[in-house]
Amino acid sequence: MFKEFKIFIMRGNVVDLAVGIVIGAAFGAIVNSLVKDVLMPPIGLLLGNVDFGNLFIVLKEGAIGGPYESLLVANSGRCNHKLRGIY
């Protein structure tokens, strides 16, 4: 049974799939870093010092009523929110 499994693995399809998954994961990390660290800071600067890491939309106010100045305050107030910035 192990011999048949080894033949199946070495046919190439599984190895190609594994290589594709590894390359895809690495490429995803590169694109994420490029957008987060290279593209978004100048765009935020052009829009008037917008901090994309602190953008959110309140879906439902929590125990502490809004408006919430930052994401940290919204989290401490236990409101339901949707993140809109870098996450």
PDB file of N, CA and C in Angstrom:
ATOM      1  N   MET A   1       0.821  -1.187   0.000  1.00  0.00           N
ATOM      2  CA  MET A   1       0.000   0.000   0.000  1.00  0.00           C
ATOM      3  C   MET A   1       0.868   1.256   0.000  1.00  0.00           C
ATOM      4  N   PHE A   2       1.951   1.262   0.765  1.00  0.00           N
ATOM      5  CA  PHE A   2       2.843   2.419   0.804  1.00  0.00           C
ATOM      6  C   PHE A   2       3.508   2.631  -0.549  1.00  0.00           C
ATOM      7  N   LYS A   3       3.801   1.527  -1.231  1.00  0.00           N
ATOM      8  CA  LYS A   3       4.439   1.617  -2.544  1.00  0.00           C
ATOM      9  C   LYS A   3       3.509   2.306  -3.548  1.00  0.00           C
ATOM     10  N   GLU A   4       2.223   1.961  -3.510  1.00  0.00           N
ATOM     11  CA  GLU A   4       1.253   2.590  -4.402  1.00  0.00           C
ATOM     12  C   GLU A   4       1.086   4.076  -4.079  1.00  0.00           C
ATOM     13  N   PHE A   5       1.088   4.397  -2.790  1.00  0.00           N
ATOM     14  CA  PHE A   5       0.977   5.797  -2.389  1.00  0.00           C
ATOM     15  C   PHE A   5       2.189   6.592  -2.859  1.00  0.00           C
ATOM     16  N   LYS A   6       3.364   6.017  -2.755  1.00  0.00           N
ATOM     17  CA  LYS A   6       4.590   6.675  -3.203  1.00  0.00           C
ATOM     18  C   LYS A   6       4.544   6.918  -4.716  1.00  0.00           C
ATOM     19  N   ILE A   7       4.036   5.956  -5.468  1.00  0.00           N
ATOM     20  CA  ILE A   7       3.908   6.123  -6.922  1.00  0.00           C
ATOM     21  C   ILE A   7       2.914   7.246  -7.229  1.00  0.00           C
ATOM     22  N   PHE A   8       1.814   7.283  -6.486  1.00  0.00           N
ATOM     23  CA  PHE A   8       0.817   8.339  -6.673  1.00  0.00           C
ATOM     24  C   PHE A   8       1.411   9.722  -6.390  1.00  0.00           C
ATOM     25  N   ILE A   9       2.160   9.824  -5.313  1.00  0.00           N
ATOM     26  CA  ILE A   9       2.771  11.108  -4.938  1.00  0.00           C
ATOM     27  C   ILE A   9       3.782  11.549  -5.985  1.00  0.00           C
ATOM     28  N   MET A  10       4.572  10.640  -6.474  1.00  0.00           N
ATOM     29  CA  MET A  10       5.665  10.987  -7.380  1.00  0.00           C
ATOM     30  C   MET A  10       5.206  11.181  -8.826  1.00  0.00           C
ATOM     31  N   ARG A  11       3.936  10.960  -9.125  1.00  0.00           N
ATOM     32  CA  ARG A  11       3.449  11.173 -10.483  1.00  0.00           C
ATOM     33  C   ARG A  11       3.587  12.625 -10.909  1.00  0.00           C
ATOM     34  N   GLY A  12       3.560  13.522  -9.985  1.00  0.00           N
ATOM     35  CA  GLY A  12       3.773  14.920 -10.325  1.00  0.00           C
ATOM     36  C   GLY A  12       2.619  15.824  -9.968  1.00  0.00           C
ATOM     37  N   ASN A  13       1.411  15.328 -10.026  1.00  0.00           N
ATOM     38  CA  ASN A  13       0.261  16.189  -9.758  1.00  0.00           C
ATOM     39  C   ASN A  13       0.255  16.710  -8.325  1.00  0.00           C
ATOM     40  N   VAL A  14       0.516  15.849  -7.374  1.00  0.00           N
ATOM     41  CA  VAL A  14       0.492  16.253  -5.974  1.00  0.00           C
ATOM     42  C   VAL A  14       1.666  17.170  -5.669  1.00  0.00           C
ATOM     43  N   VAL A  15       2.827  16.868  -6.228  1.00  0.00           N
ATOM     44  CA  VAL A  15       4.003  17.709  -6.011  1.00  0.00           C
ATOM     45  C   VAL A  15       3.767  19.091  -6.619  1.00  0.00           C
ATOM     46  N   ASP A  16       3.208  19.144  -7.814  1.00  0.00           N
ATOM     47  CA  ASP A  16       2.904  20.431  -8.442  1.00  0.00           C
ATOM     48  C   ASP A  16       1.903  21.226  -7.607  1.00  0.00           C
ATOM     49  N   LEU A  17       0.912  20.557  -7.079  1.00  0.00           N
ATOM     50  CA  LEU A  17      -0.075  21.221  -6.243  1.00  0.00           C
ATOM     51  C   LEU A  17       0.570  21.791  -4.986  1.00  0.00           C
ATOM     52  N   ALA A  18       1.432  21.021  -4.344  1.00  0.00           N
ATOM     53  CA  ALA A  18       2.105  21.487  -3.133  1.00  0.00           C
ATOM     54  C   ALA A  18       2.988  22.696  -3.427  1.00  0.00           C
ATOM     55  N   VAL A  19       3.720  22.661  -4.522  1.00  0.00           N
ATOM     56  CA  VAL A  19       4.568  23.795  -4.898  1.00  0.00           C
ATOM     57  C   VAL A  19       3.708  25.020  -5.179  1.00  0.00           C
ATOM     58  N   GLY A  20       2.593  24.837  -5.849  1.00  0.00           N
ATOM     59  CA  GLY A  20       1.690  25.948  -6.136  1.00  0.00           C
ATOM     60  C   GLY A  20       1.117  26.576  -4.879  1.00  0.00           C
ATOM     61  N   ILE A  21       0.777  25.754  -3.902  1.00  0.00           N
ATOM     62  CA  ILE A  21       0.239  26.273  -2.644  1.00  0.00           C
ATOM     63  C   ILE A  21       1.292  27.087  -1.907  1.00  0.00           C
ATOM     64  N   VAL A  22       2.520  26.595  -1.856  1.00  0.00           N
ATOM     65  CA  VAL A  22       3.601  27.318  -1.174  1.00  0.00           C
ATOM     66  C   VAL A  22       3.888  28.645  -1.871  1.00  0.00           C
ATOM     67  N   ILE A  23       3.973  28.634  -3.188  1.00  0.00           N
ATOM     68  CA  ILE A  23       4.236  29.867  -3.935  1.00  0.00           C
ATOM     69  C   ILE A  23       3.069  30.839  -3.776  1.00  0.00           C
ATOM     70  N   GLY A  24       1.844  30.344  -3.798  1.00  0.00           N
ATOM     71  CA  GLY A  24       0.679  31.204  -3.609  1.00  0.00           C
ATOM     72  C   GLY A  24       0.654  31.859  -2.240  1.00  0.00           C
ATOM     73  N   ALA A  25       1.002  31.116  -1.209  1.00  0.00           N
ATOM     74  CA  ALA A  25       1.039  31.686   0.136  1.00  0.00           C
ATOM     75  C   ALA A  25       2.108  32.764   0.247  1.00  0.00           C
ATOM     76  N   ALA A  26       3.271  32.512  -0.334  1.00  0.00           N
ATOM     77  CA  ALA A  26       4.343  33.507  -0.302  1.00  0.00           C
ATOM     78  C   ALA A  26       3.956  34.749  -1.095  1.00  0.00           C
ATOM     79  N   PHE A  27       3.338  34.573  -2.246  1.00  0.00           N
ATOM     80  CA  PHE A  27       2.926  35.704  -3.066  1.00  0.00           C
ATOM     81  C   PHE A  27       1.850  36.522  -2.356  1.00  0.00           C
ATOM     82  N   GLY A  28       0.941  35.850  -1.662  1.00  0.00           N
ATOM     83  CA  GLY A  28      -0.087  36.557  -0.898  1.00  0.00           C
ATOM     84  C   GLY A  28       0.509  37.420   0.196  1.00  0.00           C
ATOM     85  N   ALA A  29       1.523  36.911   0.877  1.00  0.00           N
ATOM     86  CA  ALA A  29       2.185  37.694   1.923  1.00  0.00           C
ATOM     87  C   ALA A  29       2.907  38.903   1.331  1.00  0.00           C
ATOM     88  N   ILE A  30       3.513  38.734   0.166  1.00  0.00           N
ATOM     89  CA  ILE A  30       4.216  39.844  -0.485  1.00  0.00           C
ATOM     90  C   ILE A  30       3.227  40.931  -0.896  1.00  0.00           C
ATOM     91  N   VAL A  31       2.116  40.553  -1.492  1.00  0.00           N
ATOM     92  CA  VAL A  31       1.112  41.533  -1.917  1.00  0.00           C
ATOM     93  C   VAL A  31       0.512  42.241  -0.708  1.00  0.00           C
ATOM     94  N   ASN A  32       0.230  41.502   0.355  1.00  0.00           N
ATOM     95  CA  ASN A  32      -0.321  42.099   1.567  1.00  0.00           C
ATOM     96  C   ASN A  32       0.638  43.131   2.148  1.00  0.00           C
ATOM     97  N   SER A  33       1.910  42.797   2.216  1.00  0.00           N
ATOM     98  CA  SER A  33       2.906  43.729   2.737  1.00  0.00           C
ATOM     99  C   SER A  33       3.053  44.946   1.837  1.00  0.00           C
ATOM    100  N   LEU A  34       3.018  44.747   0.533  1.00  0.00           N
ATOM    101  CA  LEU A  34       3.129  45.862  -0.409  1.00  0.00           C
ATOM    102  C   LEU A  34       1.982  46.851  -0.216  1.00  0.00           C
ATOM    103  N   VAL A  35       0.776  46.354  -0.113  1.00  0.00           N
ATOM    104  CA  VAL A  35      -0.379  47.236   0.055  1.00  0.00           C
ATOM    105  C   VAL A  35      -0.341  47.921   1.414  1.00  0.00           C
ATOM    106  N   LYS A  36      -0.089  47.153   2.468  1.00  0.00           N
ATOM    107  CA  LYS A  36      -0.135  47.682   3.832  1.00  0.00           C
ATOM    108  C   LYS A  36       0.986  48.672   4.114  1.00  0.00           C
ATOM    109  N   ASP A  37       2.201  48.368   3.685  1.00  0.00           N
ATOM    110  CA  ASP A  37       3.364  49.158   4.075  1.00  0.00           C
ATOM    111  C   ASP A  37       3.838  50.149   3.026  1.00  0.00           C
ATOM    112  N   VAL A  38       3.486  49.948   1.753  1.00  0.00           N
ATOM    113  CA  VAL A  38       3.992  50.824   0.698  1.00  0.00           C
ATOM    114  C   VAL A  38       2.885  51.702   0.111  1.00  0.00           C
ATOM    115  N   LEU A  39       1.754  51.130  -0.225  1.00  0.00           N
ATOM    116  CA  LEU A  39       0.704  51.899  -0.900  1.00  0.00           C
ATOM    117  C   LEU A  39      -0.183  52.710   0.044  1.00  0.00           C
ATOM    118  N   MET A  40      -0.601  52.134   1.157  1.00  0.00           N
ATOM    119  CA  MET A  40      -1.574  52.810   2.010  1.00  0.00           C
ATOM    120  C   MET A  40      -1.032  54.035   2.745  1.00  0.00           C
ATOM    121  N   PRO A  41       0.200  54.063   3.252  1.00  0.00           N
ATOM    122  CA  PRO A  41       0.670  55.287   3.927  1.00  0.00           C
ATOM    123  C   PRO A  41       0.666  56.534   3.043  1.00  0.00           C
ATOM    124  N   PRO A  42       1.152  56.494   1.793  1.00  0.00           N
ATOM    125  CA  PRO A  42       1.055  57.713   0.977  1.00  0.00           C
ATOM    126  C   PRO A  42      -0.387  58.106   0.643  1.00  0.00           C
ATOM    127  N   ILE A  43      -1.256  57.120   0.438  1.00  0.00           N
ATOM    128  CA  ILE A  43      -2.662  57.433   0.165  1.00  0.00           C
ATOM    129  C   ILE A  43      -3.291  58.103   1.387  1.00  0.00           C
ATOM    130  N   GLY A  44      -2.989  57.588   2.573  1.00  0.00           N
ATOM    131  CA  GLY A  44      -3.485  58.211   3.800  1.00  0.00           C
ATOM    132  C   GLY A  44      -2.951  59.619   3.978  1.00  0.00           C
ATOM    133  N   LEU A  45      -1.705  59.852   3.606  1.00  0.00           N
ATOM    134  CA  LEU A  45      -1.108  61.183   3.695  1.00  0.00           C
ATOM    135  C   LEU A  45      -1.783  62.144   2.722  1.00  0.00           C
ATOM    136  N   LEU A  46      -2.051  61.681   1.514  1.00  0.00           N
ATOM    137  CA  LEU A  46      -2.722  62.524   0.522  1.00  0.00           C
ATOM    138  C   LEU A  46      -4.155  62.871   0.935  1.00  0.00           C
ATOM    139  N   LEU A  47      -4.801  61.987   1.660  1.00  0.00           N
ATOM    140  CA  LEU A  47      -6.180  62.222   2.091  1.00  0.00           C
ATOM    141  C   LEU A  47      -6.263  62.995   3.399  1.00  0.00           C
ATOM    142  N   GLY A  48      -5.139  63.476   3.894  1.00  0.00           N
ATOM    143  CA  GLY A  48      -5.157  64.279   5.112  1.00  0.00           C
ATOM    144  C   GLY A  48      -4.845  63.496   6.364  1.00  0.00           C
ATOM    145  N   ASN A  49      -3.757  62.746   6.356  1.00  0.00           N
ATOM    146  CA  ASN A  49      -3.303  61.958   7.514  1.00  0.00           C
ATOM    147  C   ASN A  49      -4.362  60.980   8.019  1.00  0.00           C
ATOM    148  N   VAL A  50      -4.976  60.259   7.121  1.00  0.00           N
ATOM    149  CA  VAL A  50      -5.957  59.238   7.488  1.00  0.00           C
ATOM    150  C   VAL A  50      -5.209  58.006   7.973  1.00  0.00           C
ATOM    151  N   ASP A  51      -5.580  57.504   9.153  1.00  0.00           N
ATOM    152  CA  ASP A  51      -5.000  56.279   9.696  1.00  0.00           C
ATOM    153  C   ASP A  51      -5.943  55.132   9.351  1.00  0.00           C
ATOM    154  N   PHE A  52      -5.603  54.364   8.323  1.00  0.00           N
ATOM    155  CA  PHE A  52      -6.485  53.292   7.866  1.00  0.00           C
ATOM    156  C   PHE A  52      -6.610  52.165   8.882  1.00  0.00           C
ATOM    157  N   GLY A  53      -5.684  52.057   9.803  1.00  0.00           N
ATOM    158  CA  GLY A  53      -5.752  51.026  10.830  1.00  0.00           C
ATOM    159  C   GLY A  53      -6.807  51.309  11.882  1.00  0.00           C
ATOM    160  N   ASN A  54      -7.338  52.538  11.899  1.00  0.00           N
ATOM    161  CA  ASN A  54      -8.290  52.937  12.922  1.00  0.00           C
ATOM    162  C   ASN A  54      -9.674  53.237  12.335  1.00  0.00           C
ATOM    163  N   LEU A  55      -9.941  52.802  11.113  1.00  0.00           N
ATOM    164  CA  LEU A  55     -11.240  53.034  10.492  1.00  0.00           C
ATOM    165  C   LEU A  55     -12.186  51.871  10.788  1.00  0.00           C
ATOM    166  N   PHE A  56     -13.407  52.198  11.165  1.00  0.00           N
ATOM    167  CA  PHE A  56     -14.411  51.174  11.425  1.00  0.00           C
ATOM    168  C   PHE A  56     -15.792  51.792  11.270  1.00  0.00           C
ATOM    169  N   ILE A  57     -16.796  50.947  11.111  1.00  0.00           N
ATOM    170  CA  ILE A  57     -18.191  51.373  11.024  1.00  0.00           C
ATOM    171  C   ILE A  57     -18.945  50.706  12.169  1.00  0.00           C
ATOM    172  N   VAL A  58     -19.672  51.499  12.940  1.00  0.00           N
ATOM    173  CA  VAL A  58     -20.444  50.963  14.060  1.00  0.00           C
ATOM    174  C   VAL A  58     -21.738  50.368  13.516  1.00  0.00           C
ATOM    175  N   LEU A  59     -21.945  49.092  13.774  1.00  0.00           N
ATOM    176  CA  LEU A  59     -23.172  48.416  13.359  1.00  0.00           C
ATOM    177  C   LEU A  59     -24.250  48.530  14.434  1.00  0.00           C
ATOM    178  N   LYS A  60     -23.830  48.413  15.702  1.00  0.00           N
ATOM    179  CA  LYS A  60     -24.752  48.538  16.827  1.00  0.00           C
ATOM    180  C   LYS A  60     -23.956  49.026  18.021  1.00  0.00           C
ATOM    181  N   GLU A  61     -24.463  50.076  18.679  1.00  0.00           N
ATOM    182  CA  GLU A  61     -23.756  50.615  19.831  1.00  0.00           C
ATOM    183  C   GLU A  61     -23.761  49.605  20.965  1.00  0.00           C
ATOM    184  N   GLY A  62     -22.710  49.659  21.762  1.00  0.00           N
ATOM    185  CA  GLY A  62     -22.562  48.731  22.862  1.00  0.00           C
ATOM    186  C   GLY A  62     -23.050  49.308  24.175  1.00  0.00           C
ATOM    187  N   ALA A  63     -22.486  48.799  25.279  1.00  0.00           N
ATOM    188  CA  ALA A  63     -22.876  49.235  26.614  1.00  0.00           C
ATOM    189  C   ALA A  63     -22.553  50.709  26.818  1.00  0.00           C
ATOM    190  N   ILE A  64     -21.425  51.148  26.291  1.00  0.00           N
ATOM    191  CA  ILE A  64     -21.050  52.556  26.338  1.00  0.00           C
ATOM    192  C   ILE A  64     -21.464  53.163  25.005  1.00  0.00           C
ATOM    193  N   GLY A  65     -22.293  54.194  25.055  1.00  0.00           N
ATOM    194  CA  GLY A  65     -22.797  54.799  23.827  1.00  0.00           C
ATOM    195  C   GLY A  65     -21.719  55.514  23.039  1.00  0.00           C
ATOM    196  N   GLY A  66     -21.977  55.702  21.754  1.00  0.00           N
ATOM    197  CA  GLY A  66     -21.027  56.362  20.870  1.00  0.00           C
ATOM    198  C   GLY A  66     -21.162  57.862  20.948  1.00  0.00           C
ATOM    199  N   PRO A  67     -20.466  58.628  20.190  1.00  0.00           N
ATOM    200  CA  PRO A  67     -19.534  58.205  19.145  1.00  0.00           C
ATOM    201  C   PRO A  67     -18.217  57.713  19.734  1.00  0.00           C
ATOM    202  N   TYR A  68     -17.588  56.815  19.031  1.00  0.00           N
ATOM    203  CA  TYR A  68     -16.335  56.215  19.469  1.00  0.00           C
ATOM    204  C   TYR A  68     -15.185  56.873  18.715  1.00  0.00           C
ATOM    205  N   GLU A  69     -14.213  57.404  19.450  1.00  0.00           N
ATOM    206  CA  GLU A  69     -13.100  58.116  18.829  1.00  0.00           C
ATOM    207  C   GLU A  69     -12.117  57.187  18.142  1.00  0.00           C
ATOM    208  N   SER A  70     -11.972  55.986  18.661  1.00  0.00           N
ATOM    209  CA  SER A  70     -10.983  55.063  18.100  1.00  0.00           C
ATOM    210  C   SER A  70     -11.506  53.636  18.189  1.00  0.00           C
ATOM    211  N   LEU A  71     -10.800  52.745  17.535  1.00  0.00           N
ATOM    212  CA  LEU A  71     -11.165  51.330  17.562  1.00  0.00           C
ATOM    213  C   LEU A  71     -11.010  50.758  18.963  1.00  0.00           C
ATOM    214  N   LEU A  72     -10.019  51.230  19.701  1.00  0.00           N
ATOM    215  CA  LEU A  72      -9.806  50.762  21.068  1.00  0.00           C
ATOM    216  C   LEU A  72     -11.000  51.120  21.955  1.00  0.00           C
ATOM    217  N   VAL A  73     -11.511  52.331  21.830  1.00  0.00           N
ATOM    218  CA  VAL A  73     -12.673  52.753  22.616  1.00  0.00           C
ATOM    219  C   VAL A  73     -13.910  51.957  22.198  1.00  0.00           C
ATOM    220  N   ALA A  74     -14.064  51.707  20.908  1.00  0.00           N
ATOM    221  CA  ALA A  74     -15.209  50.922  20.430  1.00  0.00           C
ATOM    222  C   ALA A  74     -15.146  49.499  20.966  1.00  0.00           C
ATOM    223  N   ASN A  75     -13.959  48.913  21.001  1.00  0.00           N
ATOM    224  CA  ASN A  75     -13.823  47.557  21.540  1.00  0.00           C
ATOM    225  C   ASN A  75     -14.102  47.532  23.034  1.00  0.00           C
ATOM    226  N   SER A  76     -13.655  48.551  23.760  1.00  0.00           N
ATOM    227  CA  SER A  76     -13.897  48.568  25.202  1.00  0.00           C
ATOM    228  C   SER A  76     -15.370  48.829  25.507  1.00  0.00           C
ATOM    229  N   GLY A  77     -16.084  49.497  24.592  1.00  0.00           N
ATOM    230  CA  GLY A  77     -17.512  49.736  24.773  1.00  0.00           C
ATOM    231  C   GLY A  77     -18.375  48.580  24.322  1.00  0.00           C
ATOM    232  N   ARG A  78     -17.757  47.525  23.827  1.00  0.00           N
ATOM    233  CA  ARG A  78     -18.428  46.304  23.371  1.00  0.00           C
ATOM    234  C   ARG A  78     -19.467  46.577  22.284  1.00  0.00           C
ATOM    235  N   CYS A  79     -19.139  47.457  21.351  1.00  0.00           N
ATOM    236  CA  CYS A  79     -20.076  47.695  20.258  1.00  0.00           C
ATOM    237  C   CYS A  79     -19.794  46.707  19.129  1.00  0.00           C
ATOM    238  N   ASN A  80     -20.789  46.457  18.318  1.00  0.00           N
ATOM    239  CA  ASN A  80     -20.609  45.634  17.125  1.00  0.00           C
ATOM    240  C   ASN A  80     -20.146  46.551  16.011  1.00  0.00           C
ATOM    241  N   HIS A  81     -19.026  46.220  15.400  1.00  0.00           N
ATOM    242  CA  HIS A  81     -18.477  47.077  14.360  1.00  0.00           C
ATOM    243  C   HIS A  81     -17.874  46.240  13.247  1.00  0.00           C
ATOM    244  N   LYS A  82     -17.691  46.892  12.127  1.00  0.00           N
ATOM    245  CA  LYS A  82     -17.043  46.258  10.982  1.00  0.00           C
ATOM    246  C   LYS A  82     -15.785  47.051  10.688  1.00  0.00           C
ATOM    247  N   LEU A  83     -14.657  46.360  10.626  1.00  0.00           N
ATOM    248  CA  LEU A  83     -13.394  47.032  10.337  1.00  0.00           C
ATOM    249  C   LEU A  83     -13.356  47.448   8.879  1.00  0.00           C
ATOM    250  N   ARG A  84     -12.858  48.634   8.612  1.00  0.00           N
ATOM    251  CA  ARG A  84     -12.774  49.128   7.255  1.00  0.00           C
ATOM    252  C   ARG A  84     -11.343  49.420   6.848  1.00  0.00           C
ATOM    253  N   GLY A  85     -10.422  49.438   7.779  1.00  0.00           N
ATOM    254  CA  GLY A  85      -9.048  49.798   7.462  1.00  0.00           C
ATOM    255  C   GLY A  85      -8.184  48.579   7.250  1.00  0.00           C
ATOM    256  N   ILE A  86      -6.934  48.709   7.634  1.00  0.00           N
ATOM    257  CA  ILE A  86      -5.977  47.616   7.496  1.00  0.00           C
ATOM    258  C   ILE A  86      -6.192  46.652   8.642  1.00  0.00           C
ATOM    259  N   TYR A  87      -6.462  45.399   8.330  1.00  0.00           N
ATOM    260  CA  TYR A  87      -6.658  44.389   9.365  1.00  0.00           C
ATOM    261  C   TYR A  87      -6.171  43.060   8.892  1.00  0.00           C
TER     262      TYR A  87
END
